[in-house]
Each structure stands twice: as structure tokens, then as C-alpha cells.
């Protein structure tokens, strides 16, 4: 999430700088090309960050599922151990 925020802030800052530069001097062809390249890089980074976020969310869900399965198995084994101890104590 931090990276998404940074990307959005960079995008906003870039838009502000371009607006100032364009209103004062106009943009040269080179600057327009550079601006387009930077804009594409920011978009790529933004989407890559979103992709990582989704992958991490899926991993967390998978881990939650694994923990629930492990808890059930632990409860089953605990019950079996308790039964065995009860038999031994008799």
C-alpha cells in the first residue's frame, strides 16, 4: 500500500511540474517524449504494485486456511493423547 501511495504522489507531483513547465515555456518534443516515458513507467510500477498486493493477499488467505487445518489436526491429536492418558491413569 505504501508503494501505491508513493506512486500516486509521484504521479501528482509530475503532473504539477509538467503543468507549470507547459504554462511557462511549452513542452519541447524531447520533453513530451520523456514525459510519456515517465508516465508509462509510473503506470507500470502502479500495476506491478497492485499485482504484488493481490498475490500477498492470496498467500495470506492460503496461510489462514493452512492454520485452520493445522488447528483441527492439533485438536484431534490432543483429544487422542488425552484419551490415552486417561486410560493409563486408570
PDB file of N, CA and C in Angstrom:
ATOM      1  N   UNK A   1       0.819  -1.186   0.000  1.00  0.00           N
ATOM      2  CA  UNK A   1       0.000   0.000   0.000  1.00  0.00           C
ATOM      3  C   UNK A   1       0.872   1.262   0.000  1.00  0.00           C
ATOM      4  N   UNK A   2       1.971   1.212   0.713  1.00  0.00           N
ATOM      5  CA  UNK A   2       2.862   2.356   0.756  1.00  0.00           C
ATOM      6  C   UNK A   2       3.361   2.692  -0.642  1.00  0.00           C
ATOM      7  N   UNK A   3       3.703   1.651  -1.400  1.00  0.00           N
ATOM      8  CA  UNK A   3       4.221   1.876  -2.753  1.00  0.00           C
ATOM      9  C   UNK A   3       3.144   2.478  -3.654  1.00  0.00           C
ATOM     10  N   UNK A   4       1.904   2.048  -3.495  1.00  0.00           N
ATOM     11  CA  UNK A   4       0.814   2.625  -4.291  1.00  0.00           C
ATOM     12  C   UNK A   4       0.684   4.108  -3.969  1.00  0.00           C
ATOM     13  N   UNK A   5       0.783   4.449  -2.682  1.00  0.00           N
ATOM     14  CA  UNK A   5       0.723   5.854  -2.283  1.00  0.00           C
ATOM     15  C   UNK A   5       1.869   6.662  -2.858  1.00  0.00           C
ATOM     16  N   UNK A   6       3.070   6.083  -2.811  1.00  0.00           N
ATOM     17  CA  UNK A   6       4.239   6.785  -3.377  1.00  0.00           C
ATOM     18  C   UNK A   6       4.072   7.007  -4.874  1.00  0.00           C
ATOM     19  N   UNK A   7       3.564   5.999  -5.554  1.00  0.00           N
ATOM     20  CA  UNK A   7       3.364   6.111  -6.995  1.00  0.00           C
ATOM     21  C   UNK A   7       2.351   7.198  -7.308  1.00  0.00           C
ATOM     22  N   UNK A   8       1.261   7.230  -6.559  1.00  0.00           N
ATOM     23  CA  UNK A   8       0.242   8.258  -6.781  1.00  0.00           C
ATOM     24  C   UNK A   8       0.804   9.646  -6.500  1.00  0.00           C
ATOM     25  N   UNK A   9       1.593   9.764  -5.441  1.00  0.00           N
ATOM     26  CA  UNK A   9       2.195  11.063  -5.102  1.00  0.00           C
ATOM     27  C   UNK A   9       3.170  11.506  -6.191  1.00  0.00           C
ATOM     28  N   UNK A  10       3.982  10.576  -6.688  1.00  0.00           N
ATOM     29  CA  UNK A  10       4.930  10.899  -7.760  1.00  0.00           C
ATOM     30  C   UNK A  10       4.187  11.328  -9.014  1.00  0.00           C
ATOM     31  N   UNK A  11       3.114  10.629  -9.319  1.00  0.00           N
ATOM     32  CA  UNK A  11       2.299  10.961 -10.483  1.00  0.00           C
ATOM     33  C   UNK A  11       1.723  12.369 -10.348  1.00  0.00           C
ATOM     34  N   UNK A  12       1.218  12.689  -9.159  1.00  0.00           N
ATOM     35  CA  UNK A  12       0.659  14.028  -8.922  1.00  0.00           C
ATOM     36  C   UNK A  12       1.731  15.101  -9.016  1.00  0.00           C
ATOM     37  N   UNK A  13       2.883  14.829  -8.440  1.00  0.00           N
ATOM     38  CA  UNK A  13       3.990  15.787  -8.481  1.00  0.00           C
ATOM     39  C   UNK A  13       4.430  16.022  -9.925  1.00  0.00           C
ATOM     40  N   UNK A  14       4.524  14.952 -10.682  1.00  0.00           N
ATOM     41  CA  UNK A  14       4.916  15.068 -12.085  1.00  0.00           C
ATOM     42  C   UNK A  14       3.895  15.891 -12.858  1.00  0.00           C
ATOM     43  N   UNK A  15       2.613  15.652 -12.625  1.00  0.00           N
ATOM     44  CA  UNK A  15       1.570  16.415 -13.321  1.00  0.00           C
ATOM     45  C   UNK A  15       1.666  17.893 -12.995  1.00  0.00           C
ATOM     46  N   UNK A  16       1.953  18.203 -11.739  1.00  0.00           N
ATOM     47  CA  UNK A  16       2.089  19.610 -11.331  1.00  0.00           C
ATOM     48  C   UNK A  16       3.297  20.266 -12.009  1.00  0.00           C
ATOM     49  N   UNK A  17       4.427  19.564 -12.028  1.00  0.00           N
ATOM     50  CA  UNK A  17       5.624  20.109 -12.669  1.00  0.00           C
ATOM     51  C   UNK A  17       5.407  20.333 -14.157  1.00  0.00           C
ATOM     52  N   UNK A  18       4.756  19.377 -14.793  1.00  0.00           N
ATOM     53  CA  UNK A  18       4.516  19.492 -16.232  1.00  0.00           C
ATOM     54  C   UNK A  18       3.586  20.666 -16.514  1.00  0.00           C
ATOM     55  N   UNK A  19       2.547  20.824 -15.698  1.00  0.00           N
ATOM     56  CA  UNK A  19       1.611  21.928 -15.906  1.00  0.00           C
ATOM     57  C   UNK A  19       2.339  23.267 -15.774  1.00  0.00           C
ATOM     58  N   UNK A  20       3.197  23.382 -14.754  1.00  0.00           N
ATOM     59  CA  UNK A  20       3.964  24.618 -14.574  1.00  0.00           C
ATOM     60  C   UNK A  20       4.886  24.870 -15.763  1.00  0.00           C
ATOM     61  N   UNK A  21       5.618  23.852 -16.163  1.00  0.00           N
ATOM     62  CA  UNK A  21       6.569  23.986 -17.271  1.00  0.00           C
ATOM     63  C   UNK A  21       5.839  24.320 -18.569  1.00  0.00           C
ATOM     64  N   UNK A  22       4.726  23.638 -18.799  1.00  0.00           N
ATOM     65  CA  UNK A  22       3.990  23.838 -20.037  1.00  0.00           C
ATOM     66  C   UNK A  22       3.396  25.248 -20.100  1.00  0.00           C
ATOM     67  N   UNK A  23       2.878  25.722 -18.967  1.00  0.00           N
ATOM     68  CA  UNK A  23       2.278  27.058 -18.974  1.00  0.00           C
ATOM     69  C   UNK A  23       3.328  28.150 -19.141  1.00  0.00           C
ATOM     70  N   UNK A  24       4.531  27.921 -18.639  1.00  0.00           N
ATOM     71  CA  UNK A  24       5.575  28.936 -18.733  1.00  0.00           C
ATOM     72  C   UNK A  24       6.330  28.898 -20.067  1.00  0.00           C
ATOM     73  N   UNK A  25       6.683  27.695 -20.525  1.00  0.00           N
ATOM     74  CA  UNK A  25       7.567  27.593 -21.685  1.00  0.00           C
ATOM     75  C   UNK A  25       7.017  26.729 -22.822  1.00  0.00           C
ATOM     76  N   UNK A  26       6.039  25.946 -22.568  1.00  0.00           N
ATOM     77  CA  UNK A  26       5.609  24.954 -23.544  1.00  0.00           C
ATOM     78  C   UNK A  26       6.549  23.762 -23.470  1.00  0.00           C
ATOM     79  N   UNK A  27       6.108  22.618 -23.905  1.00  0.00           N
ATOM     80  CA  UNK A  27       6.940  21.415 -23.843  1.00  0.00           C
ATOM     81  C   UNK A  27       7.555  21.141 -25.200  1.00  0.00           C
ATOM     82  N   UNK A  28       8.856  20.895 -25.205  1.00  0.00           N
ATOM     83  CA  UNK A  28       9.536  20.525 -26.447  1.00  0.00           C
ATOM     84  C   UNK A  28       9.184  19.082 -26.784  1.00  0.00           C
ATOM     85  N   UNK A  29       9.491  18.695 -27.980  1.00  0.00           N
ATOM     86  CA  UNK A  29       9.218  17.320 -28.404  1.00  0.00           C
ATOM     87  C   UNK A  29       9.974  16.319 -27.532  1.00  0.00           C
ATOM     88  N   UNK A  30      11.204  16.658 -27.184  1.00  0.00           N
ATOM     89  CA  UNK A  30      12.002  15.781 -26.318  1.00  0.00           C
ATOM     90  C   UNK A  30      11.365  15.643 -24.941  1.00  0.00           C
ATOM     91  N   UNK A  31      10.914  16.779 -24.405  1.00  0.00           N
ATOM     92  CA  UNK A  31      10.299  16.740 -23.079  1.00  0.00           C
ATOM     93  C   UNK A  31       8.976  15.977 -23.107  1.00  0.00           C
ATOM     94  N   UNK A  32       8.229  16.129 -24.190  1.00  0.00           N
ATOM     95  CA  UNK A  32       6.971  15.381 -24.326  1.00  0.00           C
ATOM     96  C   UNK A  32       7.251  13.884 -24.373  1.00  0.00           C
ATOM     97  N   UNK A  33       8.282  13.496 -25.110  1.00  0.00           N
ATOM     98  CA  UNK A  33       8.643  12.087 -25.208  1.00  0.00           C
ATOM     99  C   UNK A  33       9.106  11.561 -23.846  1.00  0.00           C
ATOM    100  N   UNK A  34       9.922  12.339 -23.148  1.00  0.00           N
ATOM    101  CA  UNK A  34      10.380  11.954 -21.814  1.00  0.00           C
ATOM    102  C   UNK A  34       9.198  11.841 -20.856  1.00  0.00           C
ATOM    103  N   UNK A  35       8.291  12.797 -20.937  1.00  0.00           N
ATOM    104  CA  UNK A  35       7.096  12.768 -20.088  1.00  0.00           C
ATOM    105  C   UNK A  35       6.274  11.510 -20.355  1.00  0.00           C
ATOM    106  N   UNK A  36       6.101  11.161 -21.605  1.00  0.00           N
ATOM    107  CA  UNK A  36       5.348   9.955 -21.953  1.00  0.00           C
ATOM    108  C   UNK A  36       6.034   8.712 -21.392  1.00  0.00           C
ATOM    109  N   UNK A  37       7.343   8.664 -21.508  1.00  0.00           N
ATOM    110  CA  UNK A  37       8.111   7.528 -20.986  1.00  0.00           C
ATOM    111  C   UNK A  37       7.955   7.421 -19.464  1.00  0.00           C
ATOM    112  N   UNK A  38       8.085   8.545 -18.784  1.00  0.00           N
ATOM    113  CA  UNK A  38       7.953   8.543 -17.322  1.00  0.00           C
ATOM    114  C   UNK A  38       6.546   8.144 -16.919  1.00  0.00           C
ATOM    115  N   UNK A  39       5.559   8.644 -17.623  1.00  0.00           N
ATOM    116  CA  UNK A  39       4.165   8.291 -17.327  1.00  0.00           C
ATOM    117  C   UNK A  39       3.949   6.788 -17.466  1.00  0.00           C
ATOM    118  N   UNK A  40       4.510   6.204 -18.512  1.00  0.00           N
ATOM    119  CA  UNK A  40       4.386   4.754 -18.704  1.00  0.00           C
ATOM    120  C   UNK A  40       5.085   3.983 -17.587  1.00  0.00           C
ATOM    121  N   UNK A  41       6.254   4.457 -17.171  1.00  0.00           N
ATOM    122  CA  UNK A  41       6.961   3.808 -16.060  1.00  0.00           C
ATOM    123  C   UNK A  41       6.151   3.863 -14.772  1.00  0.00           C
ATOM    124  N   UNK A  42       5.539   5.006 -14.507  1.00  0.00           N
ATOM    125  CA  UNK A  42       4.721   5.143 -13.299  1.00  0.00           C
ATOM    126  C   UNK A  42       3.529   4.198 -13.360  1.00  0.00           C
ATOM    127  N   UNK A  43       2.873   4.126 -14.502  1.00  0.00           N
ATOM    128  CA  UNK A  43       1.735   3.213 -14.643  1.00  0.00           C
ATOM    129  C   UNK A  43       2.177   1.760 -14.450  1.00  0.00           C
ATOM    130  N   UNK A  44       3.299   1.399 -15.054  1.00  0.00           N
ATOM    131  CA  UNK A  44       3.808   0.036 -14.905  1.00  0.00           C
ATOM    132  C   UNK A  44       4.087  -0.278 -13.443  1.00  0.00           C
ATOM    133  N   UNK A  45       4.704   0.665 -12.748  1.00  0.00           N
ATOM    134  CA  UNK A  45       5.010   0.457 -11.336  1.00  0.00           C
ATOM    135  C   UNK A  45       3.733   0.344 -10.508  1.00  0.00           C
ATOM    136  N   UNK A  46       2.767   1.170 -10.835  1.00  0.00           N
ATOM    137  CA  UNK A  46       1.491   1.153 -10.124  1.00  0.00           C
ATOM    138  C   UNK A  46       0.811  -0.213 -10.283  1.00  0.00           C
ATOM    139  N   UNK A  47       0.747  -0.715 -11.507  1.00  0.00           N
ATOM    140  CA  UNK A  47       0.107  -2.011 -11.739  1.00  0.00           C
ATOM    141  C   UNK A  47       0.913  -3.160 -11.131  1.00  0.00           C
ATOM    142  N   UNK A  48       2.229  -3.059 -11.182  1.00  0.00           N
ATOM    143  CA  UNK A  48       3.064  -4.093 -10.565  1.00  0.00           C
ATOM    144  C   UNK A  48       2.840  -4.134  -9.061  1.00  0.00           C
ATOM    145  N   UNK A  49       2.688  -2.970  -8.450  1.00  0.00           N
ATOM    146  CA  UNK A  49       2.422  -2.904  -7.017  1.00  0.00           C
ATOM    147  C   UNK A  49       1.080  -3.529  -6.693  1.00  0.00           C
ATOM    148  N   UNK A  50       0.080  -3.235  -7.492  1.00  0.00           N
ATOM    149  CA  UNK A  50      -1.238  -3.836  -7.279  1.00  0.00           C
ATOM    150  C   UNK A  50      -1.168  -5.356  -7.421  1.00  0.00           C
ATOM    151  N   UNK A  51      -0.401  -5.820  -8.395  1.00  0.00           N
ATOM    152  CA  UNK A  51      -0.252  -7.257  -8.601  1.00  0.00           C
ATOM    153  C   UNK A  51       0.380  -7.921  -7.376  1.00  0.00           C
ATOM    154  N   UNK A  52       1.423  -7.306  -6.846  1.00  0.00           N
ATOM    155  CA  UNK A  52       2.085  -7.844  -5.657  1.00  0.00           C
ATOM    156  C   UNK A  52       1.114  -7.877  -4.490  1.00  0.00           C
ATOM    157  N   UNK A  53       0.321  -6.828  -4.338  1.00  0.00           N
ATOM    158  CA  UNK A  53      -0.659  -6.760  -3.254  1.00  0.00           C
ATOM    159  C   UNK A  53      -1.657  -7.917  -3.352  1.00  0.00           C
ATOM    160  N   UNK A  54      -2.145  -8.175  -4.549  1.00  0.00           N
ATOM    161  CA  UNK A  54      -3.110  -9.260  -4.739  1.00  0.00           C
ATOM    162  C   UNK A  54      -2.465 -10.615  -4.439  1.00  0.00           C
ATOM    163  N   UNK A  55      -1.252 -10.813  -4.906  1.00  0.00           N
ATOM    164  CA  UNK A  55      -0.549 -12.068  -4.642  1.00  0.00           C
ATOM    165  C   UNK A  55      -0.351 -12.263  -3.140  1.00  0.00           C
ATOM    166  N   UNK A  56       0.045 -11.204  -2.439  1.00  0.00           N
ATOM    167  CA  UNK A  56       0.233 -11.302  -0.990  1.00  0.00           C
ATOM    168  C   UNK A  56      -1.089 -11.604  -0.285  1.00  0.00           C
ATOM    169  N   UNK A  57      -2.168 -10.976  -0.726  1.00  0.00           N
ATOM    170  CA  UNK A  57      -3.471 -11.255  -0.130  1.00  0.00           C
ATOM    171  C   UNK A  57      -3.860 -12.720  -0.331  1.00  0.00           C
ATOM    172  N   UNK A  58      -3.577 -13.259  -1.515  1.00  0.00           N
ATOM    173  CA  UNK A  58      -3.886 -14.667  -1.780  1.00  0.00           C
ATOM    174  C   UNK A  58      -3.043 -15.577  -0.891  1.00  0.00           C
ATOM    175  N   UNK A  59      -1.773 -15.230  -0.709  1.00  0.00           N
ATOM    176  CA  UNK A  59      -0.903 -16.024   0.159  1.00  0.00           C
ATOM    177  C   UNK A  59      -1.389 -15.991   1.600  1.00  0.00           C
ATOM    178  N   UNK A  60      -1.840 -14.840   2.055  1.00  0.00           N
ATOM    179  CA  UNK A  60      -2.356 -14.729   3.425  1.00  0.00           C
ATOM    180  C   UNK A  60      -3.592 -15.612   3.586  1.00  0.00           C
ATOM    181  N   UNK A  61      -4.475 -15.588   2.610  1.00  0.00           N
ATOM    182  CA  UNK A  61      -5.671 -16.434   2.682  1.00  0.00           C
ATOM    183  C   UNK A  61      -5.298 -17.915   2.705  1.00  0.00           C
ATOM    184  N   UNK A  62      -4.312 -18.284   1.893  1.00  0.00           N
ATOM    185  CA  UNK A  62      -3.865 -19.679   1.876  1.00  0.00           C
ATOM    186  C   UNK A  62      -3.269 -20.067   3.222  1.00  0.00           C
ATOM    187  N   UNK A  63      -2.504 -19.155   3.815  1.00  0.00           N
ATOM    188  CA  UNK A  63      -1.904 -19.435   5.120  1.00  0.00           C
ATOM    189  C   UNK A  63      -2.983 -19.559   6.194  1.00  0.00           C
ATOM    190  N   UNK A  64      -4.011 -18.729   6.129  1.00  0.00           N
ATOM    191  CA  UNK A  64      -5.118 -18.824   7.088  1.00  0.00           C
ATOM    192  C   UNK A  64      -5.779 -20.195   6.987  1.00  0.00           C
ATOM    193  N   UNK A  65      -5.993 -20.641   5.772  1.00  0.00           N
ATOM    194  CA  UNK A  65      -6.608 -21.949   5.557  1.00  0.00           C
ATOM    195  C   UNK A  65      -5.735 -23.060   6.132  1.00  0.00           C
ATOM    196  N   UNK A  66      -4.433 -22.961   5.902  1.00  0.00           N
ATOM    197  CA  UNK A  66      -3.498 -23.956   6.426  1.00  0.00           C
ATOM    198  C   UNK A  66      -3.514 -23.970   7.951  1.00  0.00           C
ATOM    199  N   UNK A  67      -3.563 -22.795   8.555  1.00  0.00           N
ATOM    200  CA  UNK A  67      -3.595 -22.715  10.021  1.00  0.00           C
ATOM    201  C   UNK A  67      -4.864 -23.365  10.560  1.00  0.00           C
ATOM    202  N   UNK A  68      -5.992 -23.140   9.910  1.00  0.00           N
ATOM    203  CA  UNK A  68      -7.245 -23.760  10.360  1.00  0.00           C
ATOM    204  C   UNK A  68      -7.173 -25.281  10.282  1.00  0.00           C
ATOM    205  N   UNK A  69      -6.589 -25.781   9.211  1.00  0.00           N
ATOM    206  CA  UNK A  69      -6.432 -27.237   9.064  1.00  0.00           C
ATOM    207  C   UNK A  69      -5.514 -27.770  10.153  1.00  0.00           C
ATOM    208  N   UNK A  70      -4.422 -27.061  10.403  1.00  0.00           N
ATOM    209  CA  UNK A  70      -3.486 -27.496  11.445  1.00  0.00           C
ATOM    210  C   UNK A  70      -4.145 -27.484  12.823  1.00  0.00           C
ATOM    211  N   UNK A  71      -4.964 -26.476  13.096  1.00  0.00           N
ATOM    212  CA  UNK A  71      -5.667 -26.417  14.383  1.00  0.00           C
ATOM    213  C   UNK A  71      -6.576 -27.624  14.565  1.00  0.00           C
ATOM    214  N   UNK A  72      -7.289 -27.998  13.505  1.00  0.00           N
ATOM    215  CA  UNK A  72      -8.162 -29.171  13.578  1.00  0.00           C
ATOM    216  C   UNK A  72      -7.339 -30.424  13.861  1.00  0.00           C
ATOM    217  N   UNK A  73      -6.212 -30.567  13.177  1.00  0.00           N
ATOM    218  CA  UNK A  73      -5.362 -31.732  13.392  1.00  0.00           C
ATOM    219  C   UNK A  73      -4.789 -31.739  14.814  1.00  0.00           C
ATOM    220  N   UNK A  74      -4.402 -30.586  15.302  1.00  0.00           N
ATOM    221  CA  UNK A  74      -3.874 -30.498  16.671  1.00  0.00           C
ATOM    222  C   UNK A  74      -4.958 -30.862  17.678  1.00  0.00           C
ATOM    223  N   UNK A  75      -6.169 -30.367  17.465  1.00  0.00           N
ATOM    224  CA  UNK A  75      -7.278 -30.707  18.362  1.00  0.00           C
ATOM    225  C   UNK A  75      -7.544 -32.207  18.366  1.00  0.00           C
ATOM    226  N   UNK A  76      -7.489 -32.826  17.193  1.00  0.00           N
ATOM    227  CA  UNK A  76      -7.710 -34.273  17.094  1.00  0.00           C
ATOM    228  C   UNK A  76      -6.630 -35.036  17.848  1.00  0.00           C
ATOM    229  N   UNK A  77      -5.381 -34.670  17.634  1.00  0.00           N
ATOM    230  CA  UNK A  77      -4.266 -35.349  18.302  1.00  0.00           C
ATOM    231  C   UNK A  77      -4.324 -35.112  19.811  1.00  0.00           C
ATOM    232  N   UNK A  78      -4.675 -33.899  20.219  1.00  0.00           N
ATOM    233  CA  UNK A  78      -4.791 -33.596  21.645  1.00  0.00           C
ATOM    234  C   UNK A  78      -5.849 -34.472  22.291  1.00  0.00           C
ATOM    235  N   UNK A  79      -6.975 -34.625  21.630  1.00  0.00           N
ATOM    236  CA  UNK A  79      -8.044 -35.479  22.162  1.00  0.00           C
ATOM    237  C   UNK A  79      -7.568 -36.922  22.279  1.00  0.00           C
ATOM    238  N   UNK A  80      -6.848 -37.416  21.291  1.00  0.00           N
ATOM    239  CA  UNK A  80      -6.332 -38.792  21.342  1.00  0.00           C
ATOM    240  C   UNK A  80      -5.323 -38.946  22.490  1.00  0.00           C
ATOM    241  N   UNK A  81      -4.473 -37.967  22.679  1.00  0.00           N
ATOM    242  CA  UNK A  81      -3.490 -38.015  23.774  1.00  0.00           C
ATOM    243  C   UNK A  81      -4.207 -37.992  25.118  1.00  0.00           C
ATOM    244  N   UNK A  82      -5.223 -37.138  25.245  1.00  0.00           N
ATOM    245  CA  UNK A  82      -5.990 -37.082  26.488  1.00  0.00           C
ATOM    246  C   UNK A  82      -6.662 -38.426  26.788  1.00  0.00           C
ATOM    247  N   UNK A  83      -7.209 -39.076  25.769  1.00  0.00           N
ATOM    248  CA  UNK A  83      -7.815 -40.398  25.953  1.00  0.00           C
ATOM    249  C   UNK A  83      -6.791 -41.417  26.413  1.00  0.00           C
ATOM    250  N   UNK A  84      -5.637 -41.378  25.777  1.00  0.00           N
ATOM    251  CA  UNK A  84      -4.561 -42.328  26.140  1.00  0.00           C
ATOM    252  C   UNK A  84      -4.097 -42.087  27.578  1.00  0.00           C
ATOM    253  N   UNK A  85      -3.933 -40.839  27.964  1.00  0.00           N
ATOM    254  CA  UNK A  85      -3.531 -40.531  29.338  1.00  0.00           C
ATOM    255  C   UNK A  85      -4.583 -40.965  30.338  1.00  0.00           C
ATOM    256  N   UNK A  86      -5.828 -40.789  29.980  1.00  0.00           N
ATOM    257  CA  UNK A  86      -6.916 -41.218  30.875  1.00  0.00           C
ATOM    258  C   UNK A  86      -6.892 -42.728  31.057  1.00  0.00           C
ATOM    259  N   UNK A  87      -6.614 -43.481  30.005  1.00  0.00           N
ATOM    260  CA  UNK A  87      -6.526 -44.935  30.111  1.00  0.00           C
ATOM    261  C   UNK A  87      -5.342 -45.363  30.951  1.00  0.00           C
ATOM    262  N   UNK A  88      -4.232 -44.670  30.797  1.00  0.00           N
ATOM    263  CA  UNK A  88      -3.025 -45.016  31.528  1.00  0.00           C
ATOM    264  C   UNK A  88      -3.212 -44.730  33.015  1.00  0.00           C
ATOM    265  N   UNK A  89      -3.897 -43.645  33.351  1.00  0.00           N
ATOM    266  CA  UNK A  89      -4.097 -43.257  34.753  1.00  0.00           C
ATOM    267  C   UNK A  89      -5.053 -44.194  35.484  1.00  0.00           C
ATOM    268  N   UNK A  90      -5.831 -44.965  34.814  1.00  0.00           N
ATOM    269  CA  UNK A  90      -6.777 -45.872  35.479  1.00  0.00           C
ATOM    270  C   UNK A  90      -6.090 -47.019  36.074  1.00  0.00           C
TER     271      UNK A  90
END
